[in-house]
Amino acid sequence: MPIPVQVSAERALARNERYQGQIDPSDLPRLAGFEPRQLVADLQIRRHITGYGRVGGSIQAELTLECRVCTLGFCAPLSLRFDLVLARDEAEEARLMDQAEPLLITDDVLPLHRIVEDEVLLGLPMMPRCPTCENARPAASGAAQEEVRRPFAALKDLGLKGGTSARGK
């Protein structure tokens, strides 16, 4: 069952609606450059015990990313979980920012596709690396290996001789 583009926030909250299924990647234009192969979401809309509406769930996607090391494209699986608090106006949104991640609802419209698109974009790695580059470790030089083996070697030059400790002073 496809996930609708948008739903009525009040109706979805009143019914504790859940939407599961695939989203056609062509419906998410901001993801076009990542050539999504698969996009599956599980979205739950519910009223929290605090009285605020919430939308949360999980997203599974396969996207094409460009490796920042070798610049080749590679298929990257993405698995996300999210939980947003629904705010009715900007004042409520500002108030909620300290406690949770708010989502401003206007005209009773809950934009499900935009939520999924936003969460996928936020979940992308900042410095994507293909599996080959991610697993490649540069060989450390002799000096670097010495530092790795002796991380506190520089402390010997501080002149801490005798048996006094910093706590004893």
Protein backbone atom coordinates (compact mmCIF):
# COMPACT_ATOMS: atom_id res chain seq x y z
CA MET A 1 0.00 0.00 0.00
CA PRO A 2 1.54 3.32 -0.99
CA ILE A 3 1.96 6.03 1.62
CA PRO A 4 -0.18 9.10 0.82
CA VAL A 5 1.52 12.41 0.03
CA GLN A 6 -0.32 14.13 2.88
CA VAL A 7 -3.12 13.50 5.36
CA SER A 8 -5.27 15.47 7.79
CA ALA A 9 -3.26 15.80 11.01
CA GLU A 10 -6.33 15.86 13.28
CA ARG A 11 -7.94 12.84 11.63
CA ALA A 12 -4.68 10.86 11.71
CA LEU A 13 -4.18 11.71 15.40
CA ALA A 14 -7.76 10.82 16.30
CA ARG A 15 -7.36 7.41 14.67
CA ASN A 16 -3.72 6.74 15.64
CA GLU A 17 -3.09 6.01 12.00
CA ARG A 18 -0.16 4.01 10.73
CA TYR A 19 1.16 4.07 7.18
CA GLN A 20 3.49 1.40 5.91
CA GLY A 21 4.83 0.79 2.47
CA GLN A 22 6.95 2.00 -0.36
CA ILE A 23 7.21 5.53 -1.64
CA ASP A 24 7.89 6.05 -5.32
CA PRO A 25 11.26 7.84 -5.45
CA SER A 26 9.97 10.04 -8.29
CA ASP A 27 7.58 11.58 -5.73
CA LEU A 28 10.56 12.90 -3.76
CA PRO A 29 12.30 15.37 -6.11
CA ARG A 30 15.02 16.44 -3.66
CA LEU A 31 16.31 12.84 -3.60
CA ALA A 32 16.54 12.53 -7.41
CA GLY A 33 20.31 13.13 -7.42
CA PHE A 34 20.79 10.15 -5.11
CA GLU A 35 18.96 7.77 -7.46
CA PRO A 36 16.97 5.95 -4.76
CA ARG A 37 16.53 2.28 -5.59
CA GLN A 38 14.24 1.53 -2.70
CA LEU A 39 12.37 3.62 -0.16
CA VAL A 40 10.20 1.95 2.48
CA ALA A 41 8.67 3.76 5.43
CA ASP A 42 6.68 2.86 8.51
CA LEU A 43 4.99 5.98 9.93
CA GLN A 44 2.92 6.11 13.11
CA ILE A 45 0.82 9.16 14.01
CA ARG A 46 -0.32 9.22 17.63
CA ARG A 47 -1.14 11.48 20.53
CA HIS A 48 1.53 11.35 23.22
CA ILE A 49 0.72 11.16 26.94
CA THR A 50 1.76 14.85 27.17
CA GLY A 51 -1.12 15.71 24.83
CA TYR A 52 1.07 16.62 21.88
CA GLY A 53 0.68 14.87 18.57
CA ARG A 54 3.67 12.91 17.34
CA VAL A 55 4.74 11.33 14.11
CA GLY A 56 7.54 8.82 14.15
CA GLY A 57 8.74 5.64 12.65
CA SER A 58 11.43 4.18 10.48
CA ILE A 59 12.73 4.56 6.95
CA GLN A 60 14.75 2.08 4.93
CA ALA A 61 16.38 3.33 1.73
CA GLU A 62 19.06 2.44 -0.78
CA LEU A 63 20.68 5.48 -2.34
CA THR A 64 23.57 6.14 -4.69
CA LEU A 65 26.22 8.28 -3.01
CA GLU A 66 29.52 9.61 -4.27
CA CYS A 67 32.57 8.52 -2.30
CA ARG A 68 34.52 11.54 -1.01
CA VAL A 69 37.79 9.65 -1.34
CA CYS A 70 37.71 8.00 -4.77
CA THR A 71 34.69 9.94 -6.21
CA LEU A 72 33.04 6.74 -7.46
CA GLY A 73 29.33 6.16 -6.96
CA PHE A 74 28.23 3.36 -4.66
CA CYS A 75 24.98 1.96 -3.31
CA ALA A 76 24.49 2.89 0.33
CA PRO A 77 21.79 1.40 2.56
CA LEU A 78 20.19 3.84 4.97
CA SER A 79 18.19 2.86 8.04
CA LEU A 80 16.62 5.68 10.06
CA ARG A 81 14.36 6.14 13.04
CA PHE A 82 12.72 9.44 13.87
CA ASP A 83 10.21 11.00 16.24
CA LEU A 84 8.72 14.47 15.68
CA VAL A 85 6.38 16.48 17.90
CA LEU A 86 3.60 18.30 16.07
CA ALA A 87 3.32 22.04 16.72
CA ARG A 88 0.21 24.04 15.81
CA ASP A 89 1.90 27.45 15.57
CA GLU A 90 5.34 29.07 15.60
CA ALA A 91 5.16 29.95 19.31
CA GLU A 92 4.48 26.31 20.19
CA GLU A 93 7.24 25.22 17.82
CA ALA A 94 9.73 27.52 19.59
CA ARG A 95 8.61 26.25 22.99
CA LEU A 96 9.05 22.62 21.97
CA MET A 97 12.52 23.03 20.47
CA ASP A 98 14.25 22.52 23.80
CA GLN A 99 12.42 19.25 24.45
CA ALA A 100 12.06 17.55 21.08
CA GLU A 101 12.24 17.97 17.34
CA PRO A 102 9.10 19.91 16.39
CA LEU A 103 7.24 19.86 13.10
CA LEU A 104 5.05 22.86 12.34
CA ILE A 105 1.61 21.85 11.01
CA THR A 106 -0.25 24.41 8.93
CA ASP A 107 -3.83 24.12 7.74
CA ASP A 108 -4.20 20.66 9.34
CA VAL A 109 -1.91 19.14 6.67
CA LEU A 110 0.56 16.45 7.67
CA PRO A 111 2.96 16.16 4.69
CA LEU A 112 4.08 12.52 4.92
CA HIS A 113 6.23 12.50 1.79
CA ARG A 114 8.01 15.71 2.80
CA ILE A 115 8.69 14.26 6.27
CA VAL A 116 10.26 11.14 4.74
CA GLU A 117 12.26 13.22 2.27
CA ASP A 118 13.52 15.55 5.02
CA GLU A 119 14.53 12.66 7.29
CA VAL A 120 16.42 10.89 4.50
CA LEU A 121 18.31 14.09 3.65
CA LEU A 122 19.14 14.64 7.32
CA GLY A 123 20.30 11.03 7.65
CA LEU A 124 22.83 11.17 4.82
CA PRO A 125 26.46 10.82 5.90
CA MET A 126 28.47 14.04 5.78
CA MET A 127 31.52 12.33 4.29
CA PRO A 128 30.29 9.25 2.41
CA ARG A 129 32.89 6.61 1.67
CA CYS A 130 32.49 3.52 -0.44
CA PRO A 131 33.21 0.19 1.30
CA THR A 132 36.64 -0.04 -0.36
CA CYS A 133 37.78 3.39 0.88
CA GLU A 134 36.12 2.95 4.28
CA ASN A 135 38.06 -0.25 4.94
CA ALA A 136 41.39 1.03 3.58
CA ARG A 137 43.71 2.28 6.31
CA PRO A 138 46.76 4.31 5.32
CA ALA A 139 50.05 2.83 6.46
CA ALA A 140 51.37 4.81 9.41
CA SER A 141 54.89 6.19 9.25
CA GLY A 142 57.48 5.17 11.85
CA ALA A 143 56.99 8.36 13.90
CA ALA A 144 53.23 8.00 13.86
CA GLN A 145 53.50 4.38 14.99
CA GLU A 146 55.71 5.47 17.92
CA GLU A 147 53.07 8.02 19.00
CA VAL A 148 50.36 5.42 18.79
CA ARG A 149 52.32 3.01 20.99
CA ARG A 150 53.35 5.66 23.52
CA PRO A 151 50.59 8.28 23.82
CA PHE A 152 51.88 9.65 27.18
CA ALA A 153 55.56 9.82 26.24
CA ALA A 154 55.47 13.64 26.24
CA LEU A 155 54.61 13.64 29.95
CA LYS A 156 58.14 12.55 30.88
CA ASP A 157 59.39 16.03 29.96
CA LEU A 158 57.15 17.77 32.50
CA GLY A 159 59.61 17.17 35.34
CA LEU A 160 57.34 15.16 37.59
CA LYS A 161 60.13 13.56 39.62
CA GLY A 162 59.84 12.13 43.05
CA GLY A 163 56.77 10.60 44.56
CA THR A 164 54.51 13.66 44.77
CA SER A 165 51.22 13.61 43.03
CA ALA A 166 49.06 16.52 41.91
CA ARG A 167 46.38 15.50 44.43
CA GLY A 168 48.77 15.78 47.35
CA LYS A 169 49.38 19.50 46.87
